[in-house]
């Protein structure tokens, strides 16, 4: 029992490091995206790996650490606030769908990506003092669906090869 708990903690720690690295890599990618702040969401590969191997509690801890470290190192206060809002809304949706057992990794990823954009919009409106930013949601949502599929397929393949993972 204790060995399994330690294994989950080590797995979460390793994937937290990977998620931070993915966050850094995304700051270096010169991808011309139509909306400022749009990202591919590479860190969600690691988040999904933690969810399916270490469970929801470890995933929340892992993602909070990732968001805090990336905020401190790469994105600053506003980036941190957007990431925290998007990340927590996304995680809530992903955990609920994971627990329902009705969706595969890719479905969980897509829903999480769209929820991440919704969470960011919810913070952007009061932070920027304008509801006009909500008009970006269709573009952000469409982009999130595409990246969510790619991230989900990648994470699914990774998870399939990890010991102790939930069946995907």
C-alpha atoms as a PDB file:
ATOM      1  CA  UNK A   1       0.000   0.000   0.000  1.00  0.00           C
ATOM      2  CA  UNK A   2       2.701   2.468   1.042  1.00  0.00           C
ATOM      3  CA  UNK A   3       4.821   1.524  -1.973  1.00  0.00           C
ATOM      4  CA  UNK A   4       1.951   2.381  -4.318  1.00  0.00           C
ATOM      5  CA  UNK A   5       1.512   5.779  -2.649  1.00  0.00           C
ATOM      6  CA  UNK A   6       5.218   6.532  -3.015  1.00  0.00           C
ATOM      7  CA  UNK A   7       5.086   5.401  -6.645  1.00  0.00           C
ATOM      8  CA  UNK A   8       2.183   7.795  -7.290  1.00  0.00           C
ATOM      9  CA  UNK A   9       4.058  10.674  -5.641  1.00  0.00           C
ATOM     10  CA  UNK A  10       7.218  10.015  -7.653  1.00  0.00           C
ATOM     11  CA  UNK A  11       5.227   9.735 -10.868  1.00  0.00           C
ATOM     12  CA  UNK A  12       3.439  13.015 -10.120  1.00  0.00           C
ATOM     13  CA  UNK A  13       6.751  14.729  -9.322  1.00  0.00           C
ATOM     14  CA  UNK A  14       8.389  13.524 -12.530  1.00  0.00           C
ATOM     15  CA  UNK A  15       5.472  14.612 -14.661  1.00  0.00           C
ATOM     16  CA  UNK A  16       5.287  17.948 -12.838  1.00  0.00           C
ATOM     17  CA  UNK A  17       8.877  18.535 -13.931  1.00  0.00           C
ATOM     18  CA  UNK A  18       7.955  17.517 -17.474  1.00  0.00           C
ATOM     19  CA  UNK A  19       4.961  19.887 -17.439  1.00  0.00           C
ATOM     20  CA  UNK A  20       7.200  22.763 -16.319  1.00  0.00           C
ATOM     21  CA  UNK A  21       9.636  21.915 -19.107  1.00  0.00           C
ATOM     22  CA  UNK A  22       6.776  21.832 -21.631  1.00  0.00           C
ATOM     23  CA  UNK A  23       5.637  25.224 -20.331  1.00  0.00           C
ATOM     24  CA  UNK A  24       9.116  26.605 -20.917  1.00  0.00           C
ATOM     25  CA  UNK A  25       9.330  25.085 -24.397  1.00  0.00           C
ATOM     26  CA  UNK A  26       6.042  26.754 -25.309  1.00  0.00           C
ATOM     27  CA  UNK A  27       7.518  30.145 -24.438  1.00  0.00           C
ATOM     28  CA  UNK A  28      10.282  29.471 -26.976  1.00  0.00           C
ATOM     29  CA  UNK A  29       8.105  28.292 -29.873  1.00  0.00           C
ATOM     30  CA  UNK A  30       7.648  31.023 -32.475  1.00  0.00           C
ATOM     31  CA  UNK A  31       4.184  29.886 -33.548  1.00  0.00           C
ATOM     32  CA  UNK A  32       2.176  32.759 -35.061  1.00  0.00           C
ATOM     33  CA  UNK A  33      -1.180  32.364 -33.347  1.00  0.00           C
ATOM     34  CA  UNK A  34      -4.108  34.732 -34.027  1.00  0.00           C
ATOM     35  CA  UNK A  35      -4.849  35.587 -30.390  1.00  0.00           C
ATOM     36  CA  UNK A  36      -2.252  36.702 -27.835  1.00  0.00           C
ATOM     37  CA  UNK A  37      -1.738  34.129 -25.111  1.00  0.00           C
ATOM     38  CA  UNK A  38      -2.845  31.149 -27.198  1.00  0.00           C
ATOM     39  CA  UNK A  39      -0.710  28.096 -26.522  1.00  0.00           C
ATOM     40  CA  UNK A  40      -0.629  24.512 -27.660  1.00  0.00           C
ATOM     41  CA  UNK A  41      -1.148  23.140 -24.145  1.00  0.00           C
ATOM     42  CA  UNK A  42       1.795  20.738 -24.185  1.00  0.00           C
ATOM     43  CA  UNK A  43       1.849  20.640 -20.375  1.00  0.00           C
ATOM     44  CA  UNK A  44      -1.530  18.901 -20.463  1.00  0.00           C
ATOM     45  CA  UNK A  45       0.199  15.759 -21.748  1.00  0.00           C
ATOM     46  CA  UNK A  46       1.899  15.523 -18.366  1.00  0.00           C
ATOM     47  CA  UNK A  47      -1.243  16.565 -16.459  1.00  0.00           C
ATOM     48  CA  UNK A  48      -3.240  13.781 -18.114  1.00  0.00           C
ATOM     49  CA  UNK A  49      -0.444  11.288 -17.414  1.00  0.00           C
ATOM     50  CA  UNK A  50      -0.618  12.162 -13.714  1.00  0.00           C
ATOM     51  CA  UNK A  51      -4.412  11.912 -13.714  1.00  0.00           C
ATOM     52  CA  UNK A  52      -4.380   8.435 -15.248  1.00  0.00           C
ATOM     53  CA  UNK A  53      -1.441   7.075 -13.218  1.00  0.00           C
ATOM     54  CA  UNK A  54      -1.561   8.839  -9.847  1.00  0.00           C
ATOM     55  CA  UNK A  55      -5.182   9.976  -9.569  1.00  0.00           C
ATOM     56  CA  UNK A  56      -7.045  13.258  -9.083  1.00  0.00           C
ATOM     57  CA  UNK A  57      -5.503  14.387  -5.782  1.00  0.00           C
ATOM     58  CA  UNK A  58      -1.939  14.104  -7.080  1.00  0.00           C
ATOM     59  CA  UNK A  59      -3.027  15.774 -10.316  1.00  0.00           C
ATOM     60  CA  UNK A  60      -4.359  18.837  -8.512  1.00  0.00           C
ATOM     61  CA  UNK A  61      -1.145  19.130  -6.475  1.00  0.00           C
ATOM     62  CA  UNK A  62       1.007  18.613  -9.562  1.00  0.00           C
ATOM     63  CA  UNK A  63      -0.847  21.167 -11.661  1.00  0.00           C
ATOM     64  CA  UNK A  64      -0.826  23.787  -8.911  1.00  0.00           C
ATOM     65  CA  UNK A  65       2.950  23.407  -8.585  1.00  0.00           C
ATOM     66  CA  UNK A  66       3.345  23.647 -12.369  1.00  0.00           C
ATOM     67  CA  UNK A  67       1.215  26.781 -12.588  1.00  0.00           C
ATOM     68  CA  UNK A  68       3.047  28.438  -9.694  1.00  0.00           C
ATOM     69  CA  UNK A  69       6.538  27.625 -10.984  1.00  0.00           C
ATOM     70  CA  UNK A  70       5.743  28.596 -14.572  1.00  0.00           C
ATOM     71  CA  UNK A  71       4.116  31.796 -13.337  1.00  0.00           C
ATOM     72  CA  UNK A  72       7.177  32.699 -11.304  1.00  0.00           C
ATOM     73  CA  UNK A  73       9.686  31.761 -13.991  1.00  0.00           C
ATOM     74  CA  UNK A  74       8.057  32.452 -17.346  1.00  0.00           C
ATOM     75  CA  UNK A  75       4.728  34.279 -17.423  1.00  0.00           C
ATOM     76  CA  UNK A  76       4.528  36.854 -14.633  1.00  0.00           C
ATOM     77  CA  UNK A  77       1.477  37.823 -12.583  1.00  0.00           C
ATOM     78  CA  UNK A  78      -1.065  38.112 -15.406  1.00  0.00           C
ATOM     79  CA  UNK A  79       0.092  34.897 -17.037  1.00  0.00           C
ATOM     80  CA  UNK A  80      -0.109  33.212 -13.650  1.00  0.00           C
ATOM     81  CA  UNK A  81      -3.684  34.434 -13.080  1.00  0.00           C
ATOM     82  CA  UNK A  82      -4.831  33.312 -16.534  1.00  0.00           C
ATOM     83  CA  UNK A  83      -3.074  29.967 -16.154  1.00  0.00           C
ATOM     84  CA  UNK A  84      -4.483  29.397 -12.677  1.00  0.00           C
ATOM     85  CA  UNK A  85      -8.052  30.145 -13.749  1.00  0.00           C
ATOM     86  CA  UNK A  86      -7.830  28.101 -16.927  1.00  0.00           C
ATOM     87  CA  UNK A  87      -5.935  25.286 -15.258  1.00  0.00           C
ATOM     88  CA  UNK A  88      -8.329  24.868 -12.356  1.00  0.00           C
ATOM     89  CA  UNK A  89     -11.479  24.982 -14.513  1.00  0.00           C
ATOM     90  CA  UNK A  90      -9.838  22.556 -16.911  1.00  0.00           C
ATOM     91  CA  UNK A  91      -8.789  20.220 -14.109  1.00  0.00           C
ATOM     92  CA  UNK A  92     -12.271  20.204 -12.616  1.00  0.00           C
ATOM     93  CA  UNK A  93     -13.769  19.183 -15.962  1.00  0.00           C
ATOM     94  CA  UNK A  94     -11.049  16.610 -16.643  1.00  0.00           C
ATOM     95  CA  UNK A  95     -11.411  15.000 -13.211  1.00  0.00           C
ATOM     96  CA  UNK A  96     -15.201  14.820 -13.515  1.00  0.00           C
ATOM     97  CA  UNK A  97     -14.994  13.213 -16.958  1.00  0.00           C
ATOM     98  CA  UNK A  98     -12.175  10.883 -15.843  1.00  0.00           C
ATOM     99  CA  UNK A  99     -14.269   9.704 -12.903  1.00  0.00           C
ATOM    100  CA  UNK A 100     -17.338   9.207 -15.084  1.00  0.00           C
ATOM    101  CA  UNK A 101     -15.439   6.571 -17.090  1.00  0.00           C
ATOM    102  CA  UNK A 102     -17.525   7.566 -20.135  1.00  0.00           C
ATOM    103  CA  UNK A 103     -14.749   9.374 -22.019  1.00  0.00           C
ATOM    104  CA  UNK A 104     -11.347   8.342 -23.250  1.00  0.00           C
ATOM    105  CA  UNK A 105      -8.179  10.351 -22.739  1.00  0.00           C
ATOM    106  CA  UNK A 106      -8.759  12.326 -25.937  1.00  0.00           C
ATOM    107  CA  UNK A 107     -12.307  13.278 -24.949  1.00  0.00           C
ATOM    108  CA  UNK A 108     -11.084  14.344 -21.507  1.00  0.00           C
ATOM    109  CA  UNK A 109      -8.308  16.363 -23.158  1.00  0.00           C
ATOM    110  CA  UNK A 110     -10.634  18.170 -25.572  1.00  0.00           C
ATOM    111  CA  UNK A 111     -13.125  19.040 -22.843  1.00  0.00           C
ATOM    112  CA  UNK A 112     -10.286  20.218 -20.622  1.00  0.00           C
ATOM    113  CA  UNK A 113      -8.817  22.385 -23.378  1.00  0.00           C
ATOM    114  CA  UNK A 114     -12.154  24.105 -24.044  1.00  0.00           C
ATOM    115  CA  UNK A 115     -12.739  24.515 -20.297  1.00  0.00           C
ATOM    116  CA  UNK A 116      -9.262  26.057 -19.975  1.00  0.00           C
ATOM    117  CA  UNK A 117     -10.203  28.721 -22.507  1.00  0.00           C
ATOM    118  CA  UNK A 118     -13.499  29.371 -20.714  1.00  0.00           C
ATOM    119  CA  UNK A 119     -11.666  29.781 -17.409  1.00  0.00           C
ATOM    120  CA  UNK A 120      -9.266  32.252 -18.952  1.00  0.00           C
ATOM    121  CA  UNK A 121     -12.127  34.270 -20.433  1.00  0.00           C
ATOM    122  CA  UNK A 122     -13.804  34.351 -17.000  1.00  0.00           C
ATOM    123  CA  UNK A 123     -10.663  35.978 -15.579  1.00  0.00           C
ATOM    124  CA  UNK A 124      -9.941  38.179 -18.588  1.00  0.00           C
ATOM    125  CA  UNK A 125     -13.285  39.994 -18.540  1.00  0.00           C
ATOM    126  CA  UNK A 126     -12.915  41.526 -15.055  1.00  0.00           C
ATOM    127  CA  UNK A 127      -9.128  41.819 -15.265  1.00  0.00           C
ATOM    128  CA  UNK A 128      -9.232  43.729 -18.545  1.00  0.00           C
ATOM    129  CA  UNK A 129     -12.467  45.503 -17.668  1.00  0.00           C
ATOM    130  CA  UNK A 130     -14.159  44.580 -20.926  1.00  0.00           C
ATOM    131  CA  UNK A 131     -16.626  41.904 -21.959  1.00  0.00           C
ATOM    132  CA  UNK A 132     -15.415  42.250 -25.555  1.00  0.00           C
ATOM    133  CA  UNK A 133     -12.731  39.660 -24.826  1.00  0.00           C
ATOM    134  CA  UNK A 134     -15.497  37.056 -24.481  1.00  0.00           C
ATOM    135  CA  UNK A 135     -16.025  37.441 -28.228  1.00  0.00           C
ATOM    136  CA  UNK A 136     -12.743  35.594 -28.715  1.00  0.00           C
ATOM    137  CA  UNK A 137     -14.181  32.415 -27.241  1.00  0.00           C
ATOM    138  CA  UNK A 138     -15.318  30.882 -30.569  1.00  0.00           C
ATOM    139  CA  UNK A 139     -11.797  31.224 -31.993  1.00  0.00           C
ATOM    140  CA  UNK A 140     -10.201  30.032 -28.758  1.00  0.00           C
ATOM    141  CA  UNK A 141     -12.664  27.151 -28.461  1.00  0.00           C
ATOM    142  CA  UNK A 142     -12.052  25.956 -32.015  1.00  0.00           C
ATOM    143  CA  UNK A 143      -8.297  26.101 -31.463  1.00  0.00           C
ATOM    144  CA  UNK A 144      -8.731  24.256 -28.151  1.00  0.00           C
ATOM    145  CA  UNK A 145     -10.646  21.440 -29.838  1.00  0.00           C
ATOM    146  CA  UNK A 146      -7.851  20.929 -32.360  1.00  0.00           C
ATOM    147  CA  UNK A 147      -5.036  21.058 -29.844  1.00  0.00           C
ATOM    148  CA  UNK A 148      -7.066  19.010 -27.362  1.00  0.00           C
ATOM    149  CA  UNK A 149      -7.312  16.182 -29.881  1.00  0.00           C
ATOM    150  CA  UNK A 150      -3.572  16.207 -30.619  1.00  0.00           C
ATOM    151  CA  UNK A 151      -2.629  16.465 -26.934  1.00  0.00           C
ATOM    152  CA  UNK A 152      -5.173  13.781 -26.017  1.00  0.00           C
ATOM    153  CA  UNK A 153      -3.918  11.322 -28.628  1.00  0.00           C
ATOM    154  CA  UNK A 154      -0.327  11.926 -27.552  1.00  0.00           C
ATOM    155  CA  UNK A 155      -1.171  11.543 -23.860  1.00  0.00           C
ATOM    156  CA  UNK A 156      -3.226   8.417 -24.551  1.00  0.00           C
ATOM    157  CA  UNK A 157      -0.291   6.756 -26.264  1.00  0.00           C
ATOM    158  CA  UNK A 158       2.043   7.736 -23.417  1.00  0.00           C
ATOM    159  CA  UNK A 159      -0.354   6.574 -20.706  1.00  0.00           C
ATOM    160  CA  UNK A 160      -0.843   3.240 -22.446  1.00  0.00           C
ATOM    161  CA  UNK A 161       2.830   2.470 -21.803  1.00  0.00           C
ATOM    162  CA  UNK A 162       3.025   3.626 -18.177  1.00  0.00           C
ATOM    163  CA  UNK A 163       2.910   1.109 -15.340  1.00  0.00           C
ATOM    164  CA  UNK A 164      -0.047   1.508 -12.994  1.00  0.00           C
ATOM    165  CA  UNK A 165      -2.107   3.582 -15.412  1.00  0.00           C
ATOM    166  CA  UNK A 166      -5.861   3.361 -15.687  1.00  0.00           C
ATOM    167  CA  UNK A 167      -7.029   1.456 -18.741  1.00  0.00           C
ATOM    168  CA  UNK A 168      -7.287   3.857 -21.694  1.00  0.00           C
END
